[in-house]
Structures are given as C-alpha cells and as structure tokens.
Amino acid sequence: MADTQPSDDAPETAAQRRARRAQFLRDLMEARALRDRVQPRRARAARMRQQMRMRTFRW
C-alpha cells in the first residue's frame, strides 16, 4: 500500500483520501458479506441487534 503514496511528507489530497476510503469500505462490505455467509446464525443475531438499535434511536 505504501507504493501508492508519492512521499511520506506530502499531504494527501481529498481525492486520494476519498479513493482510499471507498476501497476500505468495499473491503469492509466484502468481509461482512463473507462472514454472513460463513456464520448465518451470528449474522441473523447481528441484524436483530441492529434493528433493535434503530427502533430505539430517536431522531
């Protein structure tokens, strides 16, 4: 990953940061999908917890 950076002292541009964040979020969603397929019971429990959090959240 360090090869993509031009140098350590140069500040990262907003576009680079957005691209890096988008890649991270894609990887995170892929990992979650894999975990959901491998552990369906745990995934269902996590969905239920998330639904309960959303029900009790006040806008």
Protein backbone atom coordinates (compact mmCIF):
# COMPACT_ATOMS: atom_id res chain seq x y z
CA MET A 1 0.00 0.00 0.00
CA ALA A 2 2.91 2.39 0.67
CA ASP A 3 3.87 2.24 -3.02
CA THR A 4 0.79 4.26 -3.98
CA GLN A 5 1.89 7.23 -1.84
CA PRO A 6 4.22 9.69 -3.64
CA SER A 7 6.11 10.50 -0.44
CA ASP A 8 5.56 10.47 3.30
CA ASP A 9 5.84 14.22 3.82
CA ALA A 10 3.45 15.24 1.01
CA PRO A 11 -0.10 15.89 2.26
CA GLU A 12 -2.80 13.59 0.94
CA THR A 13 -5.30 15.21 -1.41
CA ALA A 14 -9.02 14.98 -0.79
CA ALA A 15 -9.46 12.83 -3.90
CA GLN A 16 -6.80 10.37 -2.72
CA ARG A 17 -8.40 10.18 0.70
CA ARG A 18 -11.85 9.55 -0.82
CA ALA A 19 -10.46 6.83 -3.09
CA ARG A 20 -8.69 5.15 -0.18
CA ARG A 21 -11.85 5.37 1.94
CA ALA A 22 -14.00 3.94 -0.85
CA GLN A 23 -11.62 0.99 -1.22
CA PHE A 24 -11.69 0.42 2.53
CA LEU A 25 -15.49 0.46 2.60
CA ARG A 26 -15.66 -2.00 -0.32
CA ASP A 27 -13.28 -4.34 1.50
CA LEU A 28 -15.30 -4.00 4.71
CA MET A 29 -18.58 -4.83 2.98
CA GLU A 30 -16.97 -7.83 1.27
CA ALA A 31 -15.64 -9.09 4.61
CA ARG A 32 -19.04 -8.65 6.26
CA ALA A 33 -20.77 -10.50 3.42
CA LEU A 34 -18.28 -13.36 3.73
CA ARG A 35 -18.80 -13.53 7.49
CA ASP A 36 -22.58 -13.53 7.00
CA ARG A 37 -22.31 -16.49 4.62
CA VAL A 38 -19.97 -18.41 6.90
CA GLN A 39 -21.84 -17.71 10.16
CA PRO A 40 -25.54 -17.25 9.31
CA ARG A 41 -26.75 -17.55 12.92
CA ARG A 42 -24.39 -14.85 14.15
CA ALA A 43 -25.30 -12.68 11.17
CA ARG A 44 -29.01 -13.01 11.97
CA ALA A 45 -28.39 -12.09 15.60
CA ALA A 46 -26.38 -9.04 14.48
CA ARG A 47 -29.23 -7.96 12.18
CA MET A 48 -31.70 -8.29 15.06
CA ARG A 49 -29.47 -6.18 17.32
CA GLN A 50 -29.14 -3.53 14.61
CA GLN A 51 -32.92 -3.44 14.12
CA MET A 52 -33.41 -3.01 17.86
CA ARG A 53 -30.90 -0.16 17.90
CA MET A 54 -32.71 1.54 15.05
CA ARG A 55 -36.09 1.10 16.74
CA THR A 56 -34.87 2.75 19.94
CA PHE A 57 -32.92 5.53 18.20
CA ARG A 58 -34.54 8.95 18.49
CA TRP A 59 -34.21 11.39 15.61
